mmCIF file of all heavy atoms, coordinates in Angstrom:
data_MODEL
# 
_entry.id   MODEL 
# 
loop_
_atom_site.group_PDB 
_atom_site.id 
_atom_site.type_symbol 
_atom_site.label_atom_id 
_atom_site.label_alt_id 
_atom_site.label_comp_id 
_atom_site.label_asym_id 
_atom_site.label_entity_id 
_atom_site.label_seq_id 
_atom_site.pdbx_PDB_ins_code 
_atom_site.Cartn_x 
_atom_site.Cartn_y 
_atom_site.Cartn_z 
_atom_site.occupancy 
_atom_site.B_iso_or_equiv 
_atom_site.pdbx_formal_charge 
_atom_site.auth_seq_id 
_atom_site.auth_comp_id 
_atom_site.auth_asym_id 
_atom_site.auth_atom_id 
_atom_site.pdbx_PDB_model_num 
ATOM 1   N N   . TYR A 1 1  ? 1.827   5.726  -10.638 1.00 0.00 ? 1  TYR A N   1 
ATOM 2   C CA  . TYR A 1 1  ? 0.736   6.007  -9.706  1.00 0.00 ? 1  TYR A CA  1 
ATOM 3   C C   . TYR A 1 1  ? 0.768   5.056  -8.522  1.00 0.00 ? 1  TYR A C   1 
ATOM 4   O O   . TYR A 1 1  ? 1.149   3.899  -8.657  1.00 0.00 ? 1  TYR A O   1 
ATOM 5   C CB  . TYR A 1 1  ? -0.623  5.819  -10.391 1.00 0.00 ? 1  TYR A CB  1 
ATOM 6   C CG  . TYR A 1 1  ? -0.803  6.659  -11.623 1.00 0.00 ? 1  TYR A CG  1 
ATOM 7   C CD1 . TYR A 1 1  ? -0.536  6.133  -12.885 1.00 0.00 ? 1  TYR A CD1 1 
ATOM 8   C CD2 . TYR A 1 1  ? -1.237  7.970  -11.534 1.00 0.00 ? 1  TYR A CD2 1 
ATOM 9   C CE1 . TYR A 1 1  ? -0.698  6.896  -14.022 1.00 0.00 ? 1  TYR A CE1 1 
ATOM 10  C CE2 . TYR A 1 1  ? -1.403  8.741  -12.671 1.00 0.00 ? 1  TYR A CE2 1 
ATOM 11  C CZ  . TYR A 1 1  ? -1.133  8.199  -13.918 1.00 0.00 ? 1  TYR A CZ  1 
ATOM 12  O OH  . TYR A 1 1  ? -1.284  8.956  -15.037 1.00 0.00 ? 1  TYR A OH  1 
ATOM 13  N N   . VAL A 1 2  ? 0.324   5.563  -7.392  1.00 0.00 ? 2  VAL A N   1 
ATOM 14  C CA  . VAL A 1 2  ? 0.029   4.730  -6.238  1.00 0.00 ? 2  VAL A CA  1 
ATOM 15  C C   . VAL A 1 2  ? -1.428  5.028  -5.885  1.00 0.00 ? 2  VAL A C   1 
ATOM 16  O O   . VAL A 1 2  ? -1.768  6.150  -5.513  1.00 0.00 ? 2  VAL A O   1 
ATOM 17  C CB  . VAL A 1 2  ? 0.951   5.038  -5.043  1.00 0.00 ? 2  VAL A CB  1 
ATOM 18  C CG1 . VAL A 1 2  ? 0.535   4.205  -3.828  1.00 0.00 ? 2  VAL A CG1 1 
ATOM 19  C CG2 . VAL A 1 2  ? 2.403   4.776  -5.399  1.00 0.00 ? 2  VAL A CG2 1 
ATOM 20  N N   . ILE A 1 3  ? -2.267  4.022  -6.066  1.00 0.00 ? 3  ILE A N   1 
ATOM 21  C CA  . ILE A 1 3  ? -3.685  4.154  -5.709  1.00 0.00 ? 3  ILE A CA  1 
ATOM 22  C C   . ILE A 1 3  ? -3.804  3.593  -4.298  1.00 0.00 ? 3  ILE A C   1 
ATOM 23  O O   . ILE A 1 3  ? -3.632  2.401  -4.073  1.00 0.00 ? 3  ILE A O   1 
ATOM 24  C CB  . ILE A 1 3  ? -4.585  3.396  -6.696  1.00 0.00 ? 3  ILE A CB  1 
ATOM 25  C CG1 . ILE A 1 3  ? -4.287  3.840  -8.130  1.00 0.00 ? 3  ILE A CG1 1 
ATOM 26  C CG2 . ILE A 1 3  ? -6.058  3.624  -6.351  1.00 0.00 ? 3  ILE A CG2 1 
ATOM 27  C CD1 . ILE A 1 3  ? -4.922  2.967  -9.196  1.00 0.00 ? 3  ILE A CD1 1 
ATOM 28  N N   . ASP A 1 4  ? -4.065  4.473  -3.362  1.00 0.00 ? 4  ASP A N   1 
ATOM 29  C CA  . ASP A 1 4  ? -4.028  4.130  -1.942  1.00 0.00 ? 4  ASP A CA  1 
ATOM 30  C C   . ASP A 1 4  ? -5.424  4.244  -1.325  1.00 0.00 ? 4  ASP A C   1 
ATOM 31  O O   . ASP A 1 4  ? -6.323  4.853  -1.896  1.00 0.00 ? 4  ASP A O   1 
ATOM 32  C CB  . ASP A 1 4  ? -3.060  5.080  -1.230  1.00 0.00 ? 4  ASP A CB  1 
ATOM 33  C CG  . ASP A 1 4  ? -2.569  4.566  0.100   1.00 0.00 ? 4  ASP A CG  1 
ATOM 34  O OD1 . ASP A 1 4  ? -2.969  3.458  0.513   1.00 0.00 ? 4  ASP A OD1 1 
ATOM 35  O OD2 . ASP A 1 4  ? -1.780  5.284  0.742   1.00 0.00 ? 4  ASP A OD2 1 
ATOM 36  N N   . HIS A 1 5  ? -5.579  3.657  -0.167  1.00 0.00 ? 5  HIS A N   1 
ATOM 37  C CA  . HIS A 1 5  ? -6.831  3.702  0.606   1.00 0.00 ? 5  HIS A CA  1 
ATOM 38  C C   . HIS A 1 5  ? -8.002  3.041  -0.116  1.00 0.00 ? 5  HIS A C   1 
ATOM 39  O O   . HIS A 1 5  ? -9.152  3.456  0.045   1.00 0.00 ? 5  HIS A O   1 
ATOM 40  C CB  . HIS A 1 5  ? -7.184  5.136  1.011   1.00 0.00 ? 5  HIS A CB  1 
ATOM 41  C CG  . HIS A 1 5  ? -6.088  5.814  1.765   1.00 0.00 ? 5  HIS A CG  1 
ATOM 42  N ND1 . HIS A 1 5  ? -5.716  5.440  3.034   1.00 0.00 ? 5  HIS A ND1 1 
ATOM 43  C CD2 . HIS A 1 5  ? -5.255  6.818  1.397   1.00 0.00 ? 5  HIS A CD2 1 
ATOM 44  C CE1 . HIS A 1 5  ? -4.714  6.203  3.424   1.00 0.00 ? 5  HIS A CE1 1 
ATOM 45  N NE2 . HIS A 1 5  ? -4.402  7.036  2.465   1.00 0.00 ? 5  HIS A NE2 1 
ATOM 46  N N   . ILE A 1 6  ? -7.710  2.017  -0.902  1.00 0.00 ? 6  ILE A N   1 
ATOM 47  C CA  . ILE A 1 6  ? -8.769  1.216  -1.510  1.00 0.00 ? 6  ILE A CA  1 
ATOM 48  C C   . ILE A 1 6  ? -9.316  0.317  -0.399  1.00 0.00 ? 6  ILE A C   1 
ATOM 49  O O   . ILE A 1 6  ? -8.521  -0.322 0.302   1.00 0.00 ? 6  ILE A O   1 
ATOM 50  C CB  . ILE A 1 6  ? -8.224  0.351  -2.662  1.00 0.00 ? 6  ILE A CB  1 
ATOM 51  C CG1 . ILE A 1 6  ? -7.562  1.226  -3.733  1.00 0.00 ? 6  ILE A CG1 1 
ATOM 52  C CG2 . ILE A 1 6  ? -9.325  -0.516 -3.265  1.00 0.00 ? 6  ILE A CG2 1 
ATOM 53  C CD1 . ILE A 1 6  ? -6.752  0.429  -4.752  1.00 0.00 ? 6  ILE A CD1 1 
ATOM 54  N N   . PRO A 1 7  ? -10.628 0.249  -0.204  1.00 0.00 ? 7  PRO A N   1 
ATOM 55  C CA  . PRO A 1 7  ? -11.137 -0.643 0.835   1.00 0.00 ? 7  PRO A CA  1 
ATOM 56  C C   . PRO A 1 7  ? -10.637 -2.073 0.625   1.00 0.00 ? 7  PRO A C   1 
ATOM 57  O O   . PRO A 1 7  ? -10.563 -2.557 -0.505  1.00 0.00 ? 7  PRO A O   1 
ATOM 58  C CB  . PRO A 1 7  ? -12.651 -0.573 0.663   1.00 0.00 ? 7  PRO A CB  1 
ATOM 59  C CG  . PRO A 1 7  ? -12.889 0.751  0.017   1.00 0.00 ? 7  PRO A CG  1 
ATOM 60  C CD  . PRO A 1 7  ? -11.701 0.976  -0.881  1.00 0.00 ? 7  PRO A CD  1 
ATOM 61  N N   . ALA A 1 8  ? -10.281 -2.733 1.725   1.00 0.00 ? 8  ALA A N   1 
ATOM 62  C CA  . ALA A 1 8  ? -9.765  -4.106 1.652   1.00 0.00 ? 8  ALA A CA  1 
ATOM 63  C C   . ALA A 1 8  ? -10.741 -4.983 0.872   1.00 0.00 ? 8  ALA A C   1 
ATOM 64  O O   . ALA A 1 8  ? -11.945 -4.949 1.095   1.00 0.00 ? 8  ALA A O   1 
ATOM 65  C CB  . ALA A 1 8  ? -9.545  -4.664 3.053   1.00 0.00 ? 8  ALA A CB  1 
ATOM 66  N N   . GLY A 1 9  ? -10.198 -5.727 -0.078  1.00 0.00 ? 9  GLY A N   1 
ATOM 67  C CA  . GLY A 1 9  ? -11.004 -6.621 -0.895  1.00 0.00 ? 9  GLY A CA  1 
ATOM 68  C C   . GLY A 1 9  ? -11.456 -6.028 -2.215  1.00 0.00 ? 9  GLY A C   1 
ATOM 69  O O   . GLY A 1 9  ? -11.961 -6.745 -3.076  1.00 0.00 ? 9  GLY A O   1 
ATOM 70  N N   . LYS A 1 10 ? -11.275 -4.723 -2.425  1.00 0.00 ? 10 LYS A N   1 
ATOM 71  C CA  . LYS A 1 10 ? -11.714 -4.095 -3.677  1.00 0.00 ? 10 LYS A CA  1 
ATOM 72  C C   . LYS A 1 10 ? -10.562 -3.814 -4.643  1.00 0.00 ? 10 LYS A C   1 
ATOM 73  O O   . LYS A 1 10 ? -10.776 -3.350 -5.750  1.00 0.00 ? 10 LYS A O   1 
ATOM 74  C CB  . LYS A 1 10 ? -12.484 -2.809 -3.389  1.00 0.00 ? 10 LYS A CB  1 
ATOM 75  C CG  . LYS A 1 10 ? -13.815 -3.081 -2.714  1.00 0.00 ? 10 LYS A CG  1 
ATOM 76  C CD  . LYS A 1 10 ? -14.703 -1.881 -2.752  1.00 0.00 ? 10 LYS A CD  1 
ATOM 77  C CE  . LYS A 1 10 ? -16.063 -2.243 -2.161  1.00 0.00 ? 10 LYS A CE  1 
ATOM 78  N NZ  . LYS A 1 10 ? -17.011 -1.159 -2.315  1.00 0.00 ? 10 LYS A NZ  1 
ATOM 79  N N   . GLY A 1 11 ? -9.339  -4.102 -4.228  1.00 0.00 ? 11 GLY A N   1 
ATOM 80  C CA  . GLY A 1 11 ? -8.181  -3.844 -5.074  1.00 0.00 ? 11 GLY A CA  1 
ATOM 81  C C   . GLY A 1 11 ? -8.216  -4.603 -6.389  1.00 0.00 ? 11 GLY A C   1 
ATOM 82  O O   . GLY A 1 11 ? -7.890  -4.056 -7.446  1.00 0.00 ? 11 GLY A O   1 
ATOM 83  N N   . MET A 1 12 ? -8.630  -5.868 -6.348  1.00 0.00 ? 12 MET A N   1 
ATOM 84  C CA  . MET A 1 12 ? -8.694  -6.664 -7.584  1.00 0.00 ? 12 MET A CA  1 
ATOM 85  C C   . MET A 1 12 ? -9.766  -6.128 -8.522  1.00 0.00 ? 12 MET A C   1 
ATOM 86  O O   . MET A 1 12 ? -9.596  -6.168 -9.739  1.00 0.00 ? 12 MET A O   1 
ATOM 87  C CB  . MET A 1 12 ? -8.940  -8.140 -7.276  1.00 0.00 ? 12 MET A CB  1 
ATOM 88  C CG  . MET A 1 12 ? -7.712  -8.863 -6.769  1.00 0.00 ? 12 MET A CG  1 
ATOM 89  S SD  . MET A 1 12 ? -6.252  -8.722 -7.834  1.00 0.00 ? 12 MET A SD  1 
ATOM 90  C CE  . MET A 1 12 ? -6.793  -9.568 -9.299  1.00 0.00 ? 12 MET A CE  1 
ATOM 91  N N   . ARG A 1 13 ? -10.861 -5.621 -7.990  1.00 0.00 ? 13 ARG A N   1 
ATOM 92  C CA  . ARG A 1 13 ? -11.915 -5.040 -8.842  1.00 0.00 ? 13 ARG A CA  1 
ATOM 93  C C   . ARG A 1 13 ? -11.379 -3.798 -9.555  1.00 0.00 ? 13 ARG A C   1 
ATOM 94  O O   . ARG A 1 13 ? -11.617 -3.600 -10.742 1.00 0.00 ? 13 ARG A O   1 
ATOM 95  C CB  . ARG A 1 13 ? -13.148 -4.704 -7.996  1.00 0.00 ? 13 ARG A CB  1 
ATOM 96  C CG  . ARG A 1 13 ? -14.251 -4.026 -8.760  1.00 0.00 ? 13 ARG A CG  1 
ATOM 97  C CD  . ARG A 1 13 ? -15.075 -5.009 -9.585  1.00 0.00 ? 13 ARG A CD  1 
ATOM 98  N NE  . ARG A 1 13 ? -16.214 -4.305 -10.161 1.00 0.00 ? 13 ARG A NE  1 
ATOM 99  C CZ  . ARG A 1 13 ? -16.430 -4.211 -11.466 1.00 0.00 ? 13 ARG A CZ  1 
ATOM 100 N NH1 . ARG A 1 13 ? -15.634 -4.811 -12.318 1.00 0.00 ? 13 ARG A NH1 1 
ATOM 101 N NH2 . ARG A 1 13 ? -17.451 -3.534 -11.927 1.00 0.00 ? 13 ARG A NH2 1 
ATOM 102 N N   . VAL A 1 14 ? -10.639 -2.948 -8.837  1.00 0.00 ? 14 VAL A N   1 
ATOM 103 C CA  . VAL A 1 14 ? -10.017 -1.774 -9.460  1.00 0.00 ? 14 VAL A CA  1 
ATOM 104 C C   . VAL A 1 14 ? -9.035  -2.226 -10.542 1.00 0.00 ? 14 VAL A C   1 
ATOM 105 O O   . VAL A 1 14 ? -9.029  -1.696 -11.655 1.00 0.00 ? 14 VAL A O   1 
ATOM 106 C CB  . VAL A 1 14 ? -9.308  -0.889 -8.404  1.00 0.00 ? 14 VAL A CB  1 
ATOM 107 C CG1 . VAL A 1 14 ? -8.501  0.216  -9.071  1.00 0.00 ? 14 VAL A CG1 1 
ATOM 108 C CG2 . VAL A 1 14 ? -10.321 -0.314 -7.426  1.00 0.00 ? 14 VAL A CG2 1 
ATOM 109 N N   . TYR A 1 15 ? -8.231  -3.227 -10.238 1.00 0.00 ? 15 TYR A N   1 
ATOM 110 C CA  . TYR A 1 15 ? -7.263  -3.793 -11.189 1.00 0.00 ? 15 TYR A CA  1 
ATOM 111 C C   . TYR A 1 15 ? -7.969  -4.256 -12.468 1.00 0.00 ? 15 TYR A C   1 
ATOM 112 O O   . TYR A 1 15 ? -7.528  -3.964 -13.579 1.00 0.00 ? 15 TYR A O   1 
ATOM 113 C CB  . TYR A 1 15 ? -6.535  -4.955 -10.508 1.00 0.00 ? 15 TYR A CB  1 
ATOM 114 C CG  . TYR A 1 15 ? -5.525  -5.677 -11.358 1.00 0.00 ? 15 TYR A CG  1 
ATOM 115 C CD1 . TYR A 1 15 ? -4.211  -5.224 -11.460 1.00 0.00 ? 15 TYR A CD1 1 
ATOM 116 C CD2 . TYR A 1 15 ? -5.873  -6.826 -12.056 1.00 0.00 ? 15 TYR A CD2 1 
ATOM 117 C CE1 . TYR A 1 15 ? -3.278  -5.897 -12.228 1.00 0.00 ? 15 TYR A CE1 1 
ATOM 118 C CE2 . TYR A 1 15 ? -4.945  -7.510 -12.825 1.00 0.00 ? 15 TYR A CE2 1 
ATOM 119 C CZ  . TYR A 1 15 ? -3.652  -7.039 -12.915 1.00 0.00 ? 15 TYR A CZ  1 
ATOM 120 O OH  . TYR A 1 15 ? -2.733  -7.712 -13.683 1.00 0.00 ? 15 TYR A OH  1 
ATOM 121 N N   . GLU A 1 16 ? -9.075  -4.968 -12.309 1.00 0.00 ? 16 GLU A N   1 
ATOM 122 C CA  . GLU A 1 16 ? -9.817  -5.493 -13.466 1.00 0.00 ? 16 GLU A CA  1 
ATOM 123 C C   . GLU A 1 16 ? -10.473 -4.377 -14.275 1.00 0.00 ? 16 GLU A C   1 
ATOM 124 O O   . GLU A 1 16 ? -10.390 -4.367 -15.508 1.00 0.00 ? 16 GLU A O   1 
ATOM 125 C CB  . GLU A 1 16 ? -10.882 -6.481 -12.999 1.00 0.00 ? 16 GLU A CB  1 
ATOM 126 C CG  . GLU A 1 16 ? -10.306 -7.761 -12.445 1.00 0.00 ? 16 GLU A CG  1 
ATOM 127 C CD  . GLU A 1 16 ? -11.319 -8.577 -11.654 1.00 0.00 ? 16 GLU A CD  1 
ATOM 128 O OE1 . GLU A 1 16 ? -12.477 -8.129 -11.487 1.00 0.00 ? 16 GLU A OE1 1 
ATOM 129 O OE2 . GLU A 1 16 ? -10.938 -9.670 -11.191 1.00 0.00 ? 16 GLU A OE2 1 
ATOM 130 N N   . VAL A 1 17 ? -11.122 -3.432 -13.606 1.00 0.00 ? 17 VAL A N   1 
ATOM 131 C CA  . VAL A 1 17 ? -11.834 -2.364 -14.305 1.00 0.00 ? 17 VAL A CA  1 
ATOM 132 C C   . VAL A 1 17 ? -10.862 -1.458 -15.071 1.00 0.00 ? 17 VAL A C   1 
ATOM 133 O O   . VAL A 1 17 ? -11.166 -0.994 -16.165 1.00 0.00 ? 17 VAL A O   1 
ATOM 134 C CB  . VAL A 1 17 ? -12.699 -1.557 -13.316 1.00 0.00 ? 17 VAL A CB  1 
ATOM 135 C CG1 . VAL A 1 17 ? -13.222 -0.282 -13.931 1.00 0.00 ? 17 VAL A CG1 1 
ATOM 136 C CG2 . VAL A 1 17 ? -13.857 -2.399 -12.824 1.00 0.00 ? 17 VAL A CG2 1 
ATOM 137 N N   . LEU A 1 18 ? -9.679  -1.238 -14.515 1.00 0.00 ? 18 LEU A N   1 
ATOM 138 C CA  . LEU A 1 18 ? -8.677  -0.413 -15.200 1.00 0.00 ? 18 LEU A CA  1 
ATOM 139 C C   . LEU A 1 18 ? -7.908  -1.196 -16.264 1.00 0.00 ? 18 LEU A C   1 
ATOM 140 O O   . LEU A 1 18 ? -7.077  -0.632 -16.967 1.00 0.00 ? 18 LEU A O   1 
ATOM 141 C CB  . LEU A 1 18 ? -7.688  0.179  -14.187 1.00 0.00 ? 18 LEU A CB  1 
ATOM 142 C CG  . LEU A 1 18 ? -8.252  1.213  -13.227 1.00 0.00 ? 18 LEU A CG  1 
ATOM 143 C CD1 . LEU A 1 18 ? -7.171  1.669  -12.251 1.00 0.00 ? 18 LEU A CD1 1 
ATOM 144 C CD2 . LEU A 1 18 ? -8.837  2.403  -13.969 1.00 0.00 ? 18 LEU A CD2 1 
ATOM 145 N N   . LYS A 1 19 ? -8.176  -2.507 -16.365 1.00 0.00 ? 19 LYS A N   1 
ATOM 146 C CA  . LYS A 1 19 ? -7.521  -3.387 -17.347 1.00 0.00 ? 19 LYS A CA  1 
ATOM 147 C C   . LYS A 1 19 ? -6.001  -3.342 -17.218 1.00 0.00 ? 19 LYS A C   1 
ATOM 148 O O   . LYS A 1 19 ? -5.265  -3.253 -18.197 1.00 0.00 ? 19 LYS A O   1 
ATOM 149 C CB  . LYS A 1 19 ? -7.972  -3.033 -18.759 1.00 0.00 ? 19 LYS A CB  1 
ATOM 150 C CG  . LYS A 1 19 ? -9.463  -3.209 -18.956 1.00 0.00 ? 19 LYS A CG  1 
ATOM 151 C CD  . LYS A 1 19 ? -9.892  -2.844 -20.352 1.00 0.00 ? 19 LYS A CD  1 
ATOM 152 C CE  . LYS A 1 19 ? -11.332 -3.215 -20.536 1.00 0.00 ? 19 LYS A CE  1 
ATOM 153 N NZ  . LYS A 1 19 ? -12.270 -2.190 -20.638 1.00 0.00 ? 19 LYS A NZ  1 
ATOM 154 N N   . LEU A 1 20 ? -5.533  -3.446 -15.978 1.00 0.00 ? 20 LEU A N   1 
ATOM 155 C CA  . LEU A 1 20 ? -4.090  -3.372 -15.715 1.00 0.00 ? 20 LEU A CA  1 
ATOM 156 C C   . LEU A 1 20 ? -3.351  -4.639 -16.108 1.00 0.00 ? 20 LEU A C   1 
ATOM 157 O O   . LEU A 1 20 ? -2.132  -4.616 -16.257 1.00 0.00 ? 20 LEU A O   1 
ATOM 158 C CB  . LEU A 1 20 ? -3.849  -3.052 -14.239 1.00 0.00 ? 20 LEU A CB  1 
ATOM 159 C CG  . LEU A 1 20 ? -4.426  -1.708 -13.763 1.00 0.00 ? 20 LEU A CG  1 
ATOM 160 C CD1 . LEU A 1 20 ? -4.166  -1.524 -12.270 1.00 0.00 ? 20 LEU A CD1 1 
ATOM 161 C CD2 . LEU A 1 20 ? -3.854  -0.551 -14.560 1.00 0.00 ? 20 LEU A CD2 1 
ATOM 162 N N   . SER A 1 21 ? -4.056  -5.741 -16.315 1.00 0.00 ? 21 SER A N   1 
ATOM 163 C CA  . SER A 1 21 ? -3.390  -6.988 -16.695 1.00 0.00 ? 21 SER A CA  1 
ATOM 164 C C   . SER A 1 21 ? -2.770  -6.892 -18.090 1.00 0.00 ? 21 SER A C   1 
ATOM 165 O O   . SER A 1 21 ? -1.857  -7.631 -18.404 1.00 0.00 ? 21 SER A O   1 
ATOM 166 C CB  . SER A 1 21 ? -4.361  -8.162 -16.636 1.00 0.00 ? 21 SER A CB  1 
ATOM 167 O OG  . SER A 1 21 ? -5.397  -7.991 -17.583 1.00 0.00 ? 21 SER A OG  1 
ATOM 168 N N   . GLY A 1 22 ? -3.237  -5.968 -18.905 1.00 0.00 ? 22 GLY A N   1 
ATOM 169 C CA  . GLY A 1 22 ? -2.718  -5.819 -20.259 1.00 0.00 ? 22 GLY A CA  1 
ATOM 170 C C   . GLY A 1 22 ? -1.491  -4.932 -20.365 1.00 0.00 ? 22 GLY A C   1 
ATOM 171 O O   . GLY A 1 22 ? -0.958  -4.738 -21.458 1.00 0.00 ? 22 GLY A O   1 
ATOM 172 N N   . LEU A 1 23 ? -1.029  -4.395 -19.250 1.00 0.00 ? 23 LEU A N   1 
ATOM 173 C CA  . LEU A 1 23 ? 0.122   -3.499 -19.282 1.00 0.00 ? 23 LEU A CA  1 
ATOM 174 C C   . LEU A 1 23 ? 1.433   -4.278 -19.309 1.00 0.00 ? 23 LEU A C   1 
ATOM 175 O O   . LEU A 1 23 ? 1.520   -5.379 -18.782 1.00 0.00 ? 23 LEU A O   1 
ATOM 176 C CB  . LEU A 1 23 ? 0.125   -2.582 -18.050 1.00 0.00 ? 23 LEU A CB  1 
ATOM 177 C CG  . LEU A 1 23 ? -1.056  -1.633 -17.897 1.00 0.00 ? 23 LEU A CG  1 
ATOM 178 C CD1 . LEU A 1 23 ? -0.911  -0.837 -16.609 1.00 0.00 ? 23 LEU A CD1 1 
ATOM 179 C CD2 . LEU A 1 23 ? -1.152  -0.701 -19.085 1.00 0.00 ? 23 LEU A CD2 1 
ATOM 180 N N   . SER A 1 24 ? 2.456   -3.670 -19.890 1.00 0.00 ? 24 SER A N   1 
ATOM 181 C CA  . SER A 1 24 ? 3.775   -4.300 -19.902 1.00 0.00 ? 24 SER A CA  1 
ATOM 182 C C   . SER A 1 24 ? 4.671   -3.747 -18.785 1.00 0.00 ? 24 SER A C   1 
ATOM 183 O O   . SER A 1 24 ? 5.771   -4.238 -18.582 1.00 0.00 ? 24 SER A O   1 
ATOM 184 C CB  . SER A 1 24 ? 4.451   -4.095 -21.262 1.00 0.00 ? 24 SER A CB  1 
ATOM 185 O OG  . SER A 1 24 ? 4.577   -2.707 -21.537 1.00 0.00 ? 24 SER A OG  1 
# 
């Protein structure tokens, strides 16, 4: 996936809510 057009500064919030840090 490419999640595009996220307002500047909200990318980390999307990253956290989707729990992407746990992916390999």
